[in-house]
Amino acid sequence: MTRSTPSKFLAVALLGLAATACAPTVATRGNMTDPDAVATIKTGSTTRDEVASLLGTPTSVGTFDQNVWYYIGQKTEKTAFFKPEVLERRVVVVHFDDAGVVNDVKQLDANQGQEVEMVERTTPTHGRELGFLEQMVGNFGRFSAKDTKSKGPGS
């Protein structure tokens, strides 16, 4: 074995490690419904139990109408520290009548989604903000030895 063999091995190992660190990570979140299973749902005949056995438990149930089930899922890809990219998103909305029979099935695509703008406000609080040194020195002298006697673990 020559002297350059360990250094070549180390260089190849580091190169392999760097290549795997940049490999994208694919994550699936929610309930990615099978389009073939959704196609088998028939309006007017498929029941709530049949939908549950075909698609599984819904991701969400309507807040004001318990007869609306939402199946929401998305697949994202993230490389290193970059923002995740949405590869696929599926939203299926199933409406039931009062008897528990499907009366409407909708599949929503990305064009029907809405971007929600986050509000970057903070709630003001009363009092004053303490600086770093004020926080560090603020408790100094506030406690005495008699306050801590027989108050620790095992007391």
N, C-alpha and C. Protein backbone atom coordinates (compact mmCIF):
# COMPACT_ATOMS: atom_id res chain seq x y z
N MET A 1 0.85 -1.18 0.00
CA MET A 1 0.00 0.00 0.00
C MET A 1 0.89 1.24 0.00
N THR A 2 0.56 2.15 -0.87
CA THR A 2 1.36 3.36 -0.95
C THR A 2 0.79 4.41 0.00
N ARG A 3 1.54 5.49 0.15
CA ARG A 3 1.11 6.55 1.06
C ARG A 3 -0.13 7.26 0.54
N SER A 4 -0.29 7.34 -0.76
CA SER A 4 -1.41 8.09 -1.32
C SER A 4 -2.72 7.32 -1.26
N THR A 5 -2.69 6.03 -1.02
CA THR A 5 -3.92 5.24 -0.98
C THR A 5 -4.85 5.67 0.16
N PRO A 6 -4.37 5.87 1.40
CA PRO A 6 -5.29 6.35 2.44
C PRO A 6 -5.85 7.73 2.14
N SER A 7 -5.04 8.60 1.57
CA SER A 7 -5.56 9.93 1.26
C SER A 7 -6.57 9.87 0.12
N LYS A 8 -6.37 8.99 -0.85
CA LYS A 8 -7.35 8.80 -1.93
C LYS A 8 -8.66 8.25 -1.36
N PHE A 9 -8.53 7.28 -0.47
CA PHE A 9 -9.71 6.70 0.17
C PHE A 9 -10.48 7.76 0.95
N LEU A 10 -9.76 8.59 1.69
CA LEU A 10 -10.38 9.65 2.47
C LEU A 10 -11.07 10.66 1.56
N ALA A 11 -10.44 11.02 0.44
CA ALA A 11 -11.03 11.97 -0.50
C ALA A 11 -12.31 11.40 -1.11
N VAL A 12 -12.30 10.12 -1.48
CA VAL A 12 -13.49 9.48 -2.06
C VAL A 12 -14.60 9.40 -1.01
N ALA A 13 -14.24 9.08 0.23
CA ALA A 13 -15.23 9.00 1.31
C ALA A 13 -15.87 10.36 1.57
N LEU A 14 -15.06 11.41 1.61
CA LEU A 14 -15.60 12.75 1.83
C LEU A 14 -16.47 13.19 0.66
N LEU A 15 -16.06 12.86 -0.55
CA LEU A 15 -16.86 13.20 -1.73
C LEU A 15 -18.20 12.47 -1.69
N GLY A 16 -18.18 11.20 -1.30
CA GLY A 16 -19.44 10.43 -1.17
C GLY A 16 -20.34 11.00 -0.09
N LEU A 17 -19.74 11.40 1.01
CA LEU A 17 -20.51 11.99 2.11
C LEU A 17 -21.14 13.32 1.68
N ALA A 18 -20.37 14.13 0.95
CA ALA A 18 -20.90 15.40 0.47
C ALA A 18 -22.02 15.19 -0.53
N ALA A 19 -21.90 14.18 -1.38
CA ALA A 19 -22.94 13.91 -2.38
C ALA A 19 -24.23 13.44 -1.72
N THR A 20 -24.13 12.63 -0.68
CA THR A 20 -25.35 12.16 -0.01
C THR A 20 -25.98 13.26 0.84
N ALA A 21 -25.18 14.20 1.32
CA ALA A 21 -25.73 15.30 2.11
C ALA A 21 -26.59 16.21 1.25
N CYS A 22 -26.31 16.28 -0.04
CA CYS A 22 -27.07 17.13 -0.94
C CYS A 22 -28.19 16.39 -1.65
N ALA A 23 -28.36 15.12 -1.35
CA ALA A 23 -29.44 14.36 -1.98
C ALA A 23 -30.77 14.87 -1.46
N PRO A 24 -31.75 15.04 -2.35
CA PRO A 24 -33.05 15.57 -1.91
C PRO A 24 -33.80 14.57 -1.02
N THR A 25 -34.54 15.11 -0.08
CA THR A 25 -35.37 14.32 0.81
C THR A 25 -36.82 14.50 0.38
N VAL A 26 -37.49 13.39 0.07
CA VAL A 26 -38.89 13.44 -0.33
C VAL A 26 -39.73 13.05 0.87
N ALA A 27 -40.70 13.90 1.19
CA ALA A 27 -41.58 13.65 2.35
C ALA A 27 -43.03 13.70 1.90
N THR A 28 -43.80 12.72 2.36
CA THR A 28 -45.23 12.69 2.09
C THR A 28 -45.95 12.97 3.39
N ARG A 29 -46.83 13.96 3.37
CA ARG A 29 -47.58 14.34 4.56
C ARG A 29 -49.07 14.27 4.26
N GLY A 30 -49.83 13.89 5.24
CA GLY A 30 -51.28 13.83 5.08
C GLY A 30 -51.72 12.54 4.43
N ASN A 31 -52.87 12.58 3.79
CA ASN A 31 -53.47 11.40 3.16
C ASN A 31 -53.46 11.59 1.65
N MET A 32 -52.48 10.99 0.99
CA MET A 32 -52.41 11.04 -0.47
C MET A 32 -53.35 9.98 -1.03
N THR A 33 -54.56 10.40 -1.35
CA THR A 33 -55.59 9.46 -1.80
C THR A 33 -55.23 8.87 -3.15
N ASP A 34 -55.62 7.62 -3.35
CA ASP A 34 -55.43 6.93 -4.61
C ASP A 34 -56.51 7.40 -5.59
N PRO A 35 -56.13 7.96 -6.74
CA PRO A 35 -57.14 8.45 -7.68
C PRO A 35 -58.10 7.35 -8.16
N ASP A 36 -57.62 6.11 -8.26
CA ASP A 36 -58.50 5.00 -8.66
C ASP A 36 -59.54 4.72 -7.59
N ALA A 37 -59.14 4.83 -6.31
CA ALA A 37 -60.10 4.62 -5.22
C ALA A 37 -61.14 5.73 -5.20
N VAL A 38 -60.71 6.96 -5.46
CA VAL A 38 -61.65 8.08 -5.49
C VAL A 38 -62.64 7.90 -6.63
N ALA A 39 -62.18 7.36 -7.75
CA ALA A 39 -63.05 7.15 -8.91
C ALA A 39 -64.13 6.11 -8.66
N THR A 40 -63.92 5.22 -7.70
CA THR A 40 -64.92 4.19 -7.40
C THR A 40 -66.06 4.71 -6.53
N ILE A 41 -65.90 5.90 -5.96
CA ILE A 41 -66.95 6.47 -5.11
C ILE A 41 -68.07 6.97 -6.02
N LYS A 42 -69.27 6.46 -5.80
CA LYS A 42 -70.43 6.82 -6.62
C LYS A 42 -71.39 7.69 -5.82
N THR A 43 -71.73 8.82 -6.42
CA THR A 43 -72.70 9.73 -5.81
C THR A 43 -74.05 9.06 -5.73
N GLY A 44 -74.68 9.10 -4.55
CA GLY A 44 -76.01 8.54 -4.35
C GLY A 44 -76.03 7.10 -3.90
N SER A 45 -74.87 6.41 -3.90
CA SER A 45 -74.89 5.01 -3.46
C SER A 45 -73.79 4.64 -2.47
N THR A 46 -72.64 5.30 -2.53
CA THR A 46 -71.54 4.97 -1.63
C THR A 46 -71.81 5.56 -0.25
N THR A 47 -71.63 4.74 0.79
CA THR A 47 -71.90 5.19 2.16
C THR A 47 -70.64 5.72 2.83
N ARG A 48 -70.85 6.32 3.98
CA ARG A 48 -69.75 6.87 4.78
C ARG A 48 -68.75 5.78 5.16
N ASP A 49 -69.23 4.60 5.56
CA ASP A 49 -68.34 3.51 5.93
C ASP A 49 -67.53 3.01 4.74
N GLU A 50 -68.15 2.98 3.56
CA GLU A 50 -67.45 2.54 2.36
C GLU A 50 -66.35 3.53 1.98
N VAL A 51 -66.63 4.82 2.13
CA VAL A 51 -65.61 5.85 1.85
C VAL A 51 -64.45 5.69 2.82
N ALA A 52 -64.76 5.45 4.08
CA ALA A 52 -63.70 5.27 5.09
C ALA A 52 -62.85 4.04 4.78
N SER A 53 -63.46 2.98 4.29
CA SER A 53 -62.67 1.78 3.96
C SER A 53 -61.87 1.98 2.68
N LEU A 54 -62.37 2.78 1.74
CA LEU A 54 -61.64 3.04 0.50
C LEU A 54 -60.49 4.03 0.69
N LEU A 55 -60.76 5.14 1.37
CA LEU A 55 -59.79 6.23 1.47
C LEU A 55 -59.11 6.34 2.84
N GLY A 56 -59.66 5.68 3.83
CA GLY A 56 -59.11 5.79 5.18
C GLY A 56 -59.80 6.91 5.94
N THR A 57 -59.26 7.21 7.12
CA THR A 57 -59.84 8.27 7.93
C THR A 57 -59.57 9.61 7.27
N PRO A 58 -60.53 10.51 7.31
CA PRO A 58 -60.30 11.82 6.68
C PRO A 58 -59.25 12.62 7.44
N THR A 59 -58.57 13.48 6.72
CA THR A 59 -57.59 14.37 7.34
C THR A 59 -58.30 15.36 8.25
N SER A 60 -59.46 15.80 7.81
CA SER A 60 -60.23 16.77 8.58
C SER A 60 -61.71 16.58 8.28
N VAL A 61 -62.54 16.95 9.26
CA VAL A 61 -63.99 16.93 9.10
C VAL A 61 -64.45 18.39 9.20
N GLY A 62 -65.47 18.74 8.42
CA GLY A 62 -65.95 20.11 8.41
C GLY A 62 -66.24 20.63 9.80
N THR A 63 -65.82 21.85 10.07
CA THR A 63 -66.01 22.45 11.39
C THR A 63 -67.48 22.70 11.67
N PHE A 64 -68.19 23.22 10.70
CA PHE A 64 -69.59 23.57 10.90
C PHE A 64 -70.54 22.55 10.29
N ASP A 65 -70.02 21.62 9.50
CA ASP A 65 -70.84 20.59 8.87
C ASP A 65 -70.10 19.27 8.95
N GLN A 66 -70.53 18.40 9.84
CA GLN A 66 -69.88 17.11 10.04
C GLN A 66 -70.06 16.17 8.86
N ASN A 67 -70.88 16.55 7.89
CA ASN A 67 -71.11 15.73 6.70
C ASN A 67 -70.14 16.06 5.57
N VAL A 68 -69.08 16.80 5.86
CA VAL A 68 -68.06 17.11 4.86
C VAL A 68 -66.73 16.56 5.37
N TRP A 69 -66.12 15.69 4.55
CA TRP A 69 -64.83 15.10 4.88
C TRP A 69 -63.79 15.64 3.92
N TYR A 70 -62.61 15.96 4.45
CA TYR A 70 -61.50 16.45 3.65
C TYR A 70 -60.34 15.46 3.73
N TYR A 71 -59.81 15.09 2.58
CA TYR A 71 -58.61 14.27 2.48
C TYR A 71 -57.53 15.16 1.86
N ILE A 72 -56.52 15.50 2.64
CA ILE A 72 -55.50 16.44 2.22
C ILE A 72 -54.13 15.77 2.32
N GLY A 73 -53.36 15.85 1.25
CA GLY A 73 -52.02 15.28 1.28
C GLY A 73 -51.12 16.00 0.30
N GLN A 74 -49.81 15.99 0.61
CA GLN A 74 -48.86 16.59 -0.32
C GLN A 74 -47.52 15.88 -0.21
N LYS A 75 -46.82 15.91 -1.31
CA LYS A 75 -45.48 15.33 -1.38
C LYS A 75 -44.52 16.47 -1.68
N THR A 76 -43.48 16.61 -0.84
CA THR A 76 -42.51 17.69 -1.01
C THR A 76 -41.12 17.12 -1.17
N GLU A 77 -40.25 17.92 -1.76
CA GLU A 77 -38.85 17.55 -1.93
C GLU A 77 -38.00 18.69 -1.40
N LYS A 78 -37.05 18.35 -0.53
CA LYS A 78 -36.19 19.37 0.06
C LYS A 78 -34.74 18.96 -0.13
N THR A 79 -33.95 19.89 -0.62
CA THR A 79 -32.52 19.65 -0.80
C THR A 79 -31.77 20.53 0.18
N ALA A 80 -30.99 19.89 1.03
CA ALA A 80 -30.16 20.56 2.04
C ALA A 80 -30.98 21.56 2.84
N PHE A 81 -30.59 22.82 2.84
CA PHE A 81 -31.25 23.84 3.65
C PHE A 81 -32.22 24.70 2.85
N PHE A 82 -32.47 24.34 1.59
CA PHE A 82 -33.37 25.13 0.75
C PHE A 82 -34.82 24.91 1.14
N LYS A 83 -35.67 25.83 0.72
CA LYS A 83 -37.10 25.74 0.98
C LYS A 83 -37.67 24.52 0.26
N PRO A 84 -38.55 23.75 0.93
CA PRO A 84 -39.13 22.57 0.28
C PRO A 84 -39.97 22.96 -0.94
N GLU A 85 -39.91 22.11 -1.96
CA GLU A 85 -40.69 22.31 -3.18
C GLU A 85 -41.83 21.30 -3.20
N VAL A 86 -43.05 21.78 -3.44
CA VAL A 86 -44.20 20.89 -3.48
C VAL A 86 -44.21 20.17 -4.82
N LEU A 87 -44.10 18.84 -4.78
CA LEU A 87 -44.13 18.04 -5.99
C LEU A 87 -45.56 17.71 -6.41
N GLU A 88 -46.38 17.40 -5.41
CA GLU A 88 -47.74 16.99 -5.70
C GLU A 88 -48.62 17.31 -4.50
N ARG A 89 -49.83 17.76 -4.77
CA ARG A 89 -50.78 18.05 -3.71
C ARG A 89 -52.14 17.53 -4.14
N ARG A 90 -52.81 16.81 -3.25
CA ARG A 90 -54.15 16.30 -3.54
C ARG A 90 -55.09 16.69 -2.42
N VAL A 91 -56.23 17.24 -2.81
CA VAL A 91 -57.29 17.57 -1.85
C VAL A 91 -58.58 17.00 -2.41
N VAL A 92 -59.21 16.11 -1.64
CA VAL A 92 -60.48 15.51 -2.03
C VAL A 92 -61.50 15.89 -0.97
N VAL A 93 -62.64 16.44 -1.43
CA VAL A 93 -63.71 16.84 -0.52
C VAL A 93 -64.91 15.95 -0.81
N VAL A 94 -65.38 15.26 0.24
CA VAL A 94 -66.52 14.35 0.09
C VAL A 94 -67.67 14.90 0.93
N HIS A 95 -68.83 15.14 0.28
CA HIS A 95 -70.03 15.62 0.96
C HIS A 95 -71.00 14.46 1.12
N PHE A 96 -71.55 14.32 2.32
CA PHE A 96 -72.55 13.29 2.61
C PHE A 96 -73.89 13.96 2.88
N ASP A 97 -74.99 13.21 2.62
CA ASP A 97 -76.30 13.71 3.03
C ASP A 97 -76.55 13.28 4.46
N ASP A 98 -77.69 13.60 5.01
CA ASP A 98 -77.98 13.28 6.42
C ASP A 98 -78.07 11.78 6.68
N ALA A 99 -78.31 10.98 5.63
CA ALA A 99 -78.37 9.53 5.78
C ALA A 99 -76.98 8.89 5.70
N GLY A 100 -75.94 9.68 5.43
CA GLY A 100 -74.59 9.14 5.36
C GLY A 100 -74.21 8.60 3.99
N VAL A 101 -74.90 9.06 2.94
CA VAL A 101 -74.62 8.63 1.57
C VAL A 101 -73.95 9.80 0.84
N VAL A 102 -72.96 9.49 0.00
CA VAL A 102 -72.23 10.51 -0.72
C VAL A 102 -73.16 11.25 -1.67
N ASN A 103 -73.16 12.59 -1.61
CA ASN A 103 -73.92 13.35 -2.59
C ASN A 103 -73.04 14.26 -3.45
N ASP A 104 -71.70 14.32 -3.14
CA ASP A 104 -70.79 15.07 -3.99
C ASP A 104 -69.35 14.72 -3.63
N VAL A 105 -68.51 14.61 -4.67
CA VAL A 105 -67.07 14.37 -4.49
C VAL A 105 -66.35 15.38 -5.37
N LYS A 106 -65.43 16.13 -4.78
CA LYS A 106 -64.66 17.11 -5.53
C LYS A 106 -63.17 16.85 -5.32
N GLN A 107 -62.42 16.95 -6.40
CA GLN A 107 -60.96 16.89 -6.30
C GLN A 107 -60.44 18.27 -6.66
N LEU A 108 -59.74 18.89 -5.72
CA LEU A 108 -59.21 20.23 -5.92
C LEU A 108 -57.75 20.14 -6.35
N ASP A 109 -57.35 21.03 -7.24
CA ASP A 109 -55.95 21.05 -7.66
C ASP A 109 -55.26 22.30 -7.13
N ALA A 110 -53.99 22.44 -7.45
CA ALA A 110 -53.19 23.55 -6.91
C ALA A 110 -53.71 24.91 -7.36
N ASN A 111 -54.35 24.98 -8.53
CA ASN A 111 -54.87 26.26 -9.02
C ASN A 111 -56.03 26.77 -8.18
N GLN A 112 -56.71 25.89 -7.47
CA GLN A 112 -57.85 26.29 -6.65
C GLN A 112 -57.44 26.67 -5.23
N GLY A 113 -56.16 26.52 -4.92
CA GLY A 113 -55.67 26.88 -3.59
C GLY A 113 -55.48 28.38 -3.47
N GLN A 114 -55.39 28.85 -2.25
CA GLN A 114 -55.17 30.27 -1.99
C GLN A 114 -53.95 30.43 -1.10
N GLU A 115 -53.12 31.39 -1.45
CA GLU A 115 -51.97 31.71 -0.62
C GLU A 115 -52.45 32.52 0.58
N VAL A 116 -51.99 32.16 1.75
CA VAL A 116 -52.36 32.89 2.96
C VAL A 116 -51.17 33.72 3.38
N GLU A 117 -51.37 35.03 3.49
CA GLU A 117 -50.29 35.92 3.88
C GLU A 117 -50.20 35.95 5.40
N MET A 118 -49.02 35.64 5.90
CA MET A 118 -48.82 35.64 7.34
C MET A 118 -48.65 37.07 7.83
N VAL A 119 -49.20 37.36 9.00
CA VAL A 119 -49.10 38.68 9.61
C VAL A 119 -47.92 38.65 10.56
N GLU A 120 -47.02 39.60 10.42
CA GLU A 120 -45.79 39.62 11.21
C GLU A 120 -45.85 40.62 12.35
N ARG A 121 -46.98 40.74 13.00
CA ARG A 121 -47.11 41.69 14.11
C ARG A 121 -46.82 40.98 15.43
N THR A 122 -46.49 41.79 16.43
CA THR A 122 -46.32 41.25 17.78
C THR A 122 -47.30 41.95 18.70
N THR A 123 -47.72 41.25 19.71
CA THR A 123 -48.65 41.82 20.68
C THR A 123 -47.85 42.61 21.72
N PRO A 124 -48.16 43.88 21.92
CA PRO A 124 -47.41 44.67 22.90
C PRO A 124 -47.75 44.21 24.32
N THR A 125 -46.77 44.24 25.18
CA THR A 125 -46.99 43.88 26.57
C THR A 125 -46.64 45.09 27.45
N HIS A 126 -47.21 45.10 28.63
CA HIS A 126 -46.93 46.19 29.55
C HIS A 126 -45.62 45.93 30.28
N GLY A 127 -45.01 46.95 30.73
CA GLY A 127 -43.74 46.83 31.42
C GLY A 127 -42.62 47.22 30.48
N ARG A 128 -41.41 46.91 30.90
CA ARG A 128 -40.28 47.28 30.05
C ARG A 128 -39.47 46.03 29.76
N GLU A 129 -38.77 46.06 28.65
CA GLU A 129 -37.93 44.93 28.28
C GLU A 129 -36.59 45.05 28.98
N LEU A 130 -36.12 43.92 29.51
CA LEU A 130 -34.84 43.91 30.20
C LEU A 130 -33.74 43.56 29.21
N GLY A 131 -32.61 44.21 29.35
CA GLY A 131 -31.44 43.89 28.53
C GLY A 131 -30.78 42.62 29.04
N PHE A 132 -29.76 42.16 28.34
CA PHE A 132 -29.08 40.93 28.71
C PHE A 132 -28.47 41.03 30.11
N LEU A 133 -27.75 42.11 30.38
CA LEU A 133 -27.11 42.24 31.69
C LEU A 133 -28.15 42.37 32.80
N GLU A 134 -29.24 43.08 32.54
CA GLU A 134 -30.29 43.23 33.56
C GLU A 134 -30.91 41.87 33.89
N GLN A 135 -31.06 41.03 32.88
CA GLN A 135 -31.60 39.69 33.14
C GLN A 135 -30.62 38.85 33.94
N MET A 136 -29.33 38.96 33.63
CA MET A 136 -28.32 38.16 34.32
C MET A 136 -28.14 38.59 35.77
N VAL A 137 -28.16 39.89 36.01
CA VAL A 137 -27.90 40.42 37.35
C VAL A 137 -29.20 40.58 38.14
N GLY A 138 -30.33 40.53 37.48
CA GLY A 138 -31.62 40.80 38.12
C GLY A 138 -31.94 39.91 39.30
N ASN A 139 -31.57 38.64 39.25
CA ASN A 139 -31.88 37.72 40.34
C ASN A 139 -30.78 37.66 41.40
N PHE A 140 -29.69 38.34 41.17
CA PHE A 140 -28.58 38.32 42.12
C PHE A 140 -29.02 38.96 43.44
N GLY A 141 -28.88 38.23 44.52
CA GLY A 141 -29.24 38.74 45.83
C GLY A 141 -30.71 38.60 46.16
N ARG A 142 -31.50 38.08 45.26
CA ARG A 142 -32.93 37.94 45.49
C ARG A 142 -33.24 36.73 46.39
N PHE A 143 -32.36 35.74 46.38
CA PHE A 143 -32.57 34.54 47.18
C PHE A 143 -31.49 34.45 48.24
N SER A 144 -31.88 33.97 49.42
CA SER A 144 -30.90 33.79 50.48
C SER A 144 -30.76 32.30 50.77
N ALA A 145 -29.76 31.95 51.56
CA ALA A 145 -29.49 30.55 51.87
C ALA A 145 -30.65 29.94 52.65
N LYS A 146 -31.31 30.70 53.52
CA LYS A 146 -32.41 30.15 54.31
C LYS A 146 -33.62 29.83 53.43
N ASP A 147 -33.76 30.52 52.29
CA ASP A 147 -34.87 30.23 51.38
C ASP A 147 -34.70 28.90 50.68
N THR A 148 -33.46 28.47 50.48
CA THR A 148 -33.21 27.24 49.72
C THR A 148 -33.01 26.03 50.58
N LYS A 149 -32.96 26.16 51.90
CA LYS A 149 -32.76 25.01 52.78
C LYS A 149 -33.97 24.10 52.71
N SER A 150 -33.69 22.83 52.60
CA SER A 150 -34.70 21.76 52.57
C SER A 150 -35.77 22.00 51.48
N LYS A 151 -35.37 22.58 50.36
CA LYS A 151 -36.28 22.73 49.24
C LYS A 151 -35.75 22.04 48.00
N GLY A 152 -34.63 21.39 48.11
CA GLY A 152 -34.01 20.74 46.93
C GLY A 152 -34.47 19.30 46.83
N PRO A 153 -33.96 18.60 45.85
CA PRO A 153 -34.31 17.18 45.68
C PRO A 153 -33.86 16.38 46.88
N GLY A 154 -34.66 15.42 47.28
CA GLY A 154 -34.35 14.56 48.41
C GLY A 154 -34.71 15.15 49.75
N SER A 155 -35.32 16.32 49.76
CA SER A 155 -35.66 16.96 51.04
C SER A 155 -36.91 16.37 51.61
